[in-house]
Amino acid sequence: MDPLAGLMGSRRNEDIALDLMKFIAVTTGCGKTGAPGAGFQGGSDSKAEDYADNLLELYTRCLNTVNGKK
């Protein structure tokens, strides 16, 4: 058993990947939209789906990286 694991606490790879995803999303501005404009803003459902898909793909990539996969 790793002696540092007891001191630092163990974290699941999924938790580490989630933190990594959050860090990347915030620092790169992933999903940022422009300032809301006046009037009708069509296509918001599609944009929300695209945003969710992008986050899921980013999470998958982060999890694969944490697990040592390419």
C-alpha atoms as a PDB file:
ATOM      1  CA  MET A   1       0.000   0.000   0.000  1.00  0.00           C
ATOM      2  CA  ASP A   2       1.235   3.487  -0.823  1.00  0.00           C
ATOM      3  CA  PRO A   3       2.212   5.317   2.388  1.00  0.00           C
ATOM      4  CA  LEU A   4       1.092   8.672   0.970  1.00  0.00           C
ATOM      5  CA  ALA A   5      -2.375   7.356   0.200  1.00  0.00           C
ATOM      6  CA  GLY A   6      -3.190   7.215   3.906  1.00  0.00           C
ATOM      7  CA  LEU A   7      -1.971  10.763   4.481  1.00  0.00           C
ATOM      8  CA  MET A   8      -3.601  12.390   1.492  1.00  0.00           C
ATOM      9  CA  GLY A   9      -6.688  10.209   1.307  1.00  0.00           C
ATOM     10  CA  SER A  10      -7.539   8.112  -1.663  1.00  0.00           C
ATOM     11  CA  ARG A  11      -9.524   9.505  -4.531  1.00  0.00           C
ATOM     12  CA  ARG A  12     -11.269   7.622  -7.245  1.00  0.00           C
ATOM     13  CA  ASN A  13     -10.087   8.123 -10.809  1.00  0.00           C
ATOM     14  CA  GLU A  14     -13.555   9.387 -11.704  1.00  0.00           C
ATOM     15  CA  ASP A  15     -13.248  12.182  -9.135  1.00  0.00           C
ATOM     16  CA  ILE A  16      -9.811  13.155 -10.384  1.00  0.00           C
ATOM     17  CA  ALA A  17     -11.048  13.161 -13.989  1.00  0.00           C
ATOM     18  CA  LEU A  18     -14.007  15.344 -13.005  1.00  0.00           C
ATOM     19  CA  ASP A  19     -11.717  17.878 -11.319  1.00  0.00           C
ATOM     20  CA  LEU A  20      -9.442  17.847 -14.354  1.00  0.00           C
ATOM     21  CA  MET A  21     -12.417  18.392 -16.669  1.00  0.00           C
ATOM     22  CA  LYS A  22     -13.613  21.340 -14.553  1.00  0.00           C
ATOM     23  CA  PHE A  23     -10.149  22.870 -14.569  1.00  0.00           C
ATOM     24  CA  ILE A  24      -9.798  22.557 -18.343  1.00  0.00           C
ATOM     25  CA  ALA A  25     -13.317  23.861 -18.986  1.00  0.00           C
ATOM     26  CA  VAL A  26     -12.781  26.929 -16.791  1.00  0.00           C
ATOM     27  CA  THR A  27      -9.279  27.805 -17.948  1.00  0.00           C
ATOM     28  CA  THR A  28     -10.033  27.392 -21.649  1.00  0.00           C
ATOM     29  CA  GLY A  29     -13.460  29.025 -21.539  1.00  0.00           C
ATOM     30  CA  CYS A  30     -15.084  25.860 -22.843  1.00  0.00           C
ATOM     31  CA  GLY A  31     -18.804  26.473 -23.262  1.00  0.00           C
ATOM     32  CA  LYS A  32     -18.653  30.205 -22.740  1.00  0.00           C
ATOM     33  CA  THR A  33     -21.271  32.018 -24.708  1.00  0.00           C
ATOM     34  CA  GLY A  34     -21.320  35.580 -25.841  1.00  0.00           C
ATOM     35  CA  ALA A  35     -23.217  38.249 -23.978  1.00  0.00           C
ATOM     36  CA  PRO A  36     -26.951  37.669 -24.242  1.00  0.00           C
ATOM     37  CA  GLY A  37     -28.611  39.898 -26.787  1.00  0.00           C
ATOM     38  CA  ALA A  38     -32.030  41.412 -26.936  1.00  0.00           C
ATOM     39  CA  GLY A  39     -34.770  39.615 -28.786  1.00  0.00           C
ATOM     40  CA  PHE A  40     -35.368  36.026 -29.764  1.00  0.00           C
ATOM     41  CA  GLN A  41     -32.383  33.721 -29.389  1.00  0.00           C
ATOM     42  CA  GLY A  42     -33.276  30.679 -31.486  1.00  0.00           C
ATOM     43  CA  GLY A  43     -31.520  27.323 -31.323  1.00  0.00           C
ATOM     44  CA  SER A  44     -30.793  27.237 -27.620  1.00  0.00           C
ATOM     45  CA  ASP A  45     -31.766  23.556 -27.284  1.00  0.00           C
ATOM     46  CA  SER A  46     -29.222  22.582 -29.905  1.00  0.00           C
ATOM     47  CA  LYS A  47     -26.537  24.658 -28.226  1.00  0.00           C
ATOM     48  CA  ALA A  48     -27.317  23.116 -24.850  1.00  0.00           C
ATOM     49  CA  GLU A  49     -27.036  19.619 -26.322  1.00  0.00           C
ATOM     50  CA  ASP A  50     -23.769  20.500 -28.050  1.00  0.00           C
ATOM     51  CA  TYR A  51     -22.413  21.917 -24.793  1.00  0.00           C
ATOM     52  CA  ALA A  52     -23.380  18.768 -22.878  1.00  0.00           C
ATOM     53  CA  ASP A  53     -21.870  16.542 -25.567  1.00  0.00           C
ATOM     54  CA  ASN A  54     -18.629  18.528 -25.469  1.00  0.00           C
ATOM     55  CA  LEU A  55     -18.412  18.240 -21.683  1.00  0.00           C
ATOM     56  CA  LEU A  56     -19.071  14.494 -21.801  1.00  0.00           C
ATOM     57  CA  GLU A  57     -16.389  14.043 -24.448  1.00  0.00           C
ATOM     58  CA  LEU A  58     -13.947  16.116 -22.395  1.00  0.00           C
ATOM     59  CA  TYR A  59     -14.739  14.066 -19.273  1.00  0.00           C
ATOM     60  CA  THR A  60     -14.158  10.820 -21.193  1.00  0.00           C
ATOM     61  CA  ARG A  61     -10.814  12.090 -22.437  1.00  0.00           C
ATOM     62  CA  CYS A  62      -9.819  13.152 -18.914  1.00  0.00           C
ATOM     63  CA  LEU A  63     -10.840   9.791 -17.461  1.00  0.00           C
ATOM     64  CA  ASN A  64      -8.869   7.930 -20.106  1.00  0.00           C
ATOM     65  CA  THR A  65      -5.830  10.099 -19.334  1.00  0.00           C
ATOM     66  CA  VAL A  66      -6.120   9.483 -15.589  1.00  0.00           C
ATOM     67  CA  ASN A  67      -6.483   5.737 -16.223  1.00  0.00           C
ATOM     68  CA  GLY A  68      -3.354   5.791 -18.418  1.00  0.00           C
ATOM     69  CA  LYS A  69      -5.190   5.082 -21.655  1.00  0.00           C
ATOM     70  CA  LYS A  70      -4.653   7.003 -24.844  1.00  0.00           C
END
